[in-house]
Amino acid sequence: MTVGIDFYVASTRKEIPKSEKHVKFEENLQDYLLKKERDPAKKYGLLLDLDQYSDRVLSAREVNELVIICEQLLNEYSVSTKKKWEVDNTTWGINLFAEELKTLCLTALDQKKKVIAVGD
């Protein structure tokens, strides 16, 4: 198991084991973005400030903010090919993560559920 943050669609922490929607924010991607984006802009603040070792229930406003962050990541780390070998692993990983997290967040909003970030 790798360290990172797992995102789930659930109404409560007790629902997490039953959650079908799950996205992993790998520690190496978080570390890369922290080093690259942290100062001075903090443009991915909500995502990058999540603690890898604790849990957090995100409000609807925060879930909407995560959708915007995912869109920014997809614009900045865009991938114009379906051929993974043509893109560096970090860009590919960020793009895949942002797509999956955006979908998870939109699902949560549509179902009127929360997104719960669980640290390992």
C-alpha atoms as a PDB file:
ATOM      1  CA  MET A   1       0.000   0.000   0.000  1.00  0.00           C
ATOM      2  CA  THR A   2       1.308   3.441  -0.856  1.00  0.00           C
ATOM      3  CA  VAL A   3       1.014   6.529   1.276  1.00  0.00           C
ATOM      4  CA  GLY A   4      -1.234   9.269   0.018  1.00  0.00           C
ATOM      5  CA  ILE A   5      -4.776  10.531   0.324  1.00  0.00           C
ATOM      6  CA  ASP A   6      -7.840   8.544  -0.674  1.00  0.00           C
ATOM      7  CA  PHE A   7     -10.983  10.408  -1.742  1.00  0.00           C
ATOM      8  CA  TYR A   8     -14.397   8.798  -1.302  1.00  0.00           C
ATOM      9  CA  VAL A   9     -17.999   9.760  -2.080  1.00  0.00           C
ATOM     10  CA  ALA A  10     -19.964   9.205   1.125  1.00  0.00           C
ATOM     11  CA  SER A  11     -22.361  10.981   3.465  1.00  0.00           C
ATOM     12  CA  THR A  12     -20.511   9.853   6.595  1.00  0.00           C
ATOM     13  CA  ARG A  13     -17.228   8.186   7.504  1.00  0.00           C
ATOM     14  CA  LYS A  14     -19.174   4.987   8.260  1.00  0.00           C
ATOM     15  CA  GLU A  15     -20.247   4.816   4.594  1.00  0.00           C
ATOM     16  CA  ILE A  16     -16.678   4.786   3.276  1.00  0.00           C
ATOM     17  CA  PRO A  17     -16.328   0.978   3.149  1.00  0.00           C
ATOM     18  CA  LYS A  18     -19.473   0.821   0.984  1.00  0.00           C
ATOM     19  CA  SER A  19     -18.357   3.629  -1.328  1.00  0.00           C
ATOM     20  CA  GLU A  20     -17.972   2.552  -4.947  1.00  0.00           C
ATOM     21  CA  LYS A  21     -16.241   5.801  -5.912  1.00  0.00           C
ATOM     22  CA  HIS A  22     -12.604   6.137  -4.834  1.00  0.00           C
ATOM     23  CA  VAL A  23      -9.590   8.118  -6.080  1.00  0.00           C
ATOM     24  CA  LYS A  24      -6.012   7.908  -4.757  1.00  0.00           C
ATOM     25  CA  PHE A  25      -3.786  11.021  -4.606  1.00  0.00           C
ATOM     26  CA  GLU A  26      -0.355   9.428  -4.624  1.00  0.00           C
ATOM     27  CA  GLU A  27       2.235  10.895  -2.274  1.00  0.00           C
ATOM     28  CA  ASN A  28       4.755  11.399  -5.089  1.00  0.00           C
ATOM     29  CA  LEU A  29       2.272  13.539  -7.058  1.00  0.00           C
ATOM     30  CA  GLN A  30       1.416  15.601  -3.987  1.00  0.00           C
ATOM     31  CA  ASP A  31       5.130  16.093  -3.222  1.00  0.00           C
ATOM     32  CA  TYR A  32       5.834  17.136  -6.830  1.00  0.00           C
ATOM     33  CA  LEU A  33       2.996  19.663  -6.860  1.00  0.00           C
ATOM     34  CA  LEU A  34       3.981  21.005  -3.436  1.00  0.00           C
ATOM     35  CA  LYS A  35       7.532  21.640  -4.625  1.00  0.00           C
ATOM     36  CA  LYS A  36       6.487  23.107  -7.968  1.00  0.00           C
ATOM     37  CA  GLU A  37       3.365  25.097  -7.079  1.00  0.00           C
ATOM     38  CA  ARG A  38       3.578  25.959  -3.405  1.00  0.00           C
ATOM     39  CA  ASP A  39       5.191  29.384  -3.419  1.00  0.00           C
ATOM     40  CA  PRO A  40       4.106  32.042  -3.965  1.00  0.00           C
ATOM     41  CA  ALA A  41       0.768  31.372  -5.663  1.00  0.00           C
ATOM     42  CA  LYS A  42      -0.704  28.501  -3.657  1.00  0.00           C
ATOM     43  CA  LYS A  43      -3.141  28.042  -6.511  1.00  0.00           C
ATOM     44  CA  TYR A  44      -3.902  24.434  -5.543  1.00  0.00           C
ATOM     45  CA  GLY A  45      -4.065  25.228  -1.815  1.00  0.00           C
ATOM     46  CA  LEU A  46      -7.079  23.155  -0.770  1.00  0.00           C
ATOM     47  CA  LEU A  47      -5.737  20.035  -2.464  1.00  0.00           C
ATOM     48  CA  LEU A  48      -2.102  20.460  -1.445  1.00  0.00           C
ATOM     49  CA  ASP A  49      -2.869  21.434   2.152  1.00  0.00           C
ATOM     50  CA  LEU A  50      -4.700  18.170   2.890  1.00  0.00           C
ATOM     51  CA  ASP A  51      -2.915  16.132   5.555  1.00  0.00           C
ATOM     52  CA  GLN A  52      -1.684  12.721   4.408  1.00  0.00           C
ATOM     53  CA  TYR A  53      -2.177  11.354   7.924  1.00  0.00           C
ATOM     54  CA  SER A  54      -5.671  12.521   8.878  1.00  0.00           C
ATOM     55  CA  ASP A  55      -9.236  12.514   7.556  1.00  0.00           C
ATOM     56  CA  ARG A  56     -11.300  15.448   6.363  1.00  0.00           C
ATOM     57  CA  VAL A  57     -14.926  15.767   5.330  1.00  0.00           C
ATOM     58  CA  LEU A  58     -15.139  18.362   2.565  1.00  0.00           C
ATOM     59  CA  SER A  59     -18.070  20.777   2.357  1.00  0.00           C
ATOM     60  CA  ALA A  60     -20.007  21.317  -0.879  1.00  0.00           C
ATOM     61  CA  ARG A  61     -18.112  24.605  -1.350  1.00  0.00           C
ATOM     62  CA  GLU A  62     -14.797  22.775  -0.973  1.00  0.00           C
ATOM     63  CA  VAL A  63     -15.900  20.055  -3.406  1.00  0.00           C
ATOM     64  CA  ASN A  64     -16.728  22.783  -5.947  1.00  0.00           C
ATOM     65  CA  GLU A  65     -13.294  24.288  -5.294  1.00  0.00           C
ATOM     66  CA  LEU A  66     -11.710  20.876  -5.941  1.00  0.00           C
ATOM     67  CA  VAL A  67     -13.510  20.703  -9.300  1.00  0.00           C
ATOM     68  CA  ILE A  68     -11.967  24.065 -10.236  1.00  0.00           C
ATOM     69  CA  ILE A  69      -8.536  22.888  -9.049  1.00  0.00           C
ATOM     70  CA  CYS A  70      -8.888  19.744 -11.175  1.00  0.00           C
ATOM     71  CA  GLU A  71      -9.766  21.855 -14.212  1.00  0.00           C
ATOM     72  CA  GLN A  72      -6.690  24.025 -13.588  1.00  0.00           C
ATOM     73  CA  LEU A  73      -4.505  20.919 -13.274  1.00  0.00           C
ATOM     74  CA  LEU A  74      -5.961  19.479 -16.482  1.00  0.00           C
ATOM     75  CA  ASN A  75      -5.181  22.738 -18.297  1.00  0.00           C
ATOM     76  CA  GLU A  76      -1.655  23.003 -16.944  1.00  0.00           C
ATOM     77  CA  TYR A  77      -0.764  19.302 -17.232  1.00  0.00           C
ATOM     78  CA  SER A  78      -2.703  18.572 -20.401  1.00  0.00           C
ATOM     79  CA  VAL A  79      -2.122  15.358 -22.281  1.00  0.00           C
ATOM     80  CA  SER A  80      -2.943  15.366 -25.983  1.00  0.00           C
ATOM     81  CA  THR A  81      -2.344  11.679 -26.594  1.00  0.00           C
ATOM     82  CA  LYS A  82      -3.744   8.378 -25.355  1.00  0.00           C
ATOM     83  CA  LYS A  83      -0.265   6.853 -25.629  1.00  0.00           C
ATOM     84  CA  LYS A  84       1.180   6.849 -22.127  1.00  0.00           C
ATOM     85  CA  TRP A  85       4.725   6.256 -23.367  1.00  0.00           C
ATOM     86  CA  GLU A  86       4.649   9.629 -25.169  1.00  0.00           C
ATOM     87  CA  VAL A  87       4.157  11.556 -21.901  1.00  0.00           C
ATOM     88  CA  ASP A  88       6.347  11.730 -18.795  1.00  0.00           C
ATOM     89  CA  ASN A  89       5.008   9.738 -15.837  1.00  0.00           C
ATOM     90  CA  THR A  90       4.406  12.761 -13.593  1.00  0.00           C
ATOM     91  CA  THR A  91       2.339  14.668 -16.166  1.00  0.00           C
ATOM     92  CA  TRP A  92       0.404  11.493 -17.002  1.00  0.00           C
ATOM     93  CA  GLY A  93      -0.225  10.788 -13.310  1.00  0.00           C
ATOM     94  CA  ILE A  94      -1.384  14.332 -12.525  1.00  0.00           C
ATOM     95  CA  ASN A  95      -3.678  14.355 -15.556  1.00  0.00           C
ATOM     96  CA  LEU A  96      -5.206  10.964 -14.703  1.00  0.00           C
ATOM     97  CA  PHE A  97      -5.650  11.909 -11.039  1.00  0.00           C
ATOM     98  CA  ALA A  98      -7.269  15.264 -11.910  1.00  0.00           C
ATOM     99  CA  GLU A  99      -9.706  13.597 -14.342  1.00  0.00           C
ATOM    100  CA  GLU A 100     -10.691  10.961 -11.788  1.00  0.00           C
ATOM    101  CA  LEU A 101     -11.014  13.405  -8.881  1.00  0.00           C
ATOM    102  CA  LYS A 102     -13.096  15.817 -10.962  1.00  0.00           C
ATOM    103  CA  THR A 103     -15.457  12.966 -11.898  1.00  0.00           C
ATOM    104  CA  LEU A 104     -15.661  11.860  -8.252  1.00  0.00           C
ATOM    105  CA  CYS A 105     -16.438  15.418  -7.084  1.00  0.00           C
ATOM    106  CA  LEU A 106     -19.122  15.922  -9.720  1.00  0.00           C
ATOM    107  CA  THR A 107     -20.676  12.576  -8.734  1.00  0.00           C
ATOM    108  CA  ALA A 108     -20.723  13.644  -5.078  1.00  0.00           C
ATOM    109  CA  LEU A 109     -22.369  16.964  -5.937  1.00  0.00           C
ATOM    110  CA  ASP A 110     -24.911  15.248  -8.181  1.00  0.00           C
ATOM    111  CA  GLN A 111     -25.787  12.714  -5.456  1.00  0.00           C
ATOM    112  CA  LYS A 112     -25.770  15.423  -2.774  1.00  0.00           C
ATOM    113  CA  LYS A 113     -23.103  13.526  -0.853  1.00  0.00           C
ATOM    114  CA  LYS A 114     -19.803  14.601   0.592  1.00  0.00           C
ATOM    115  CA  VAL A 115     -16.241  13.927  -0.440  1.00  0.00           C
ATOM    116  CA  ILE A 116     -14.169  12.498   2.355  1.00  0.00           C
ATOM    117  CA  ALA A 117     -10.377  12.674   2.163  1.00  0.00           C
ATOM    118  CA  VAL A 118      -8.723   9.886   4.137  1.00  0.00           C
ATOM    119  CA  GLY A 119      -5.004   9.942   4.894  1.00  0.00           C
ATOM    120  CA  ASP A 120      -3.110   6.683   5.160  1.00  0.00           C
END
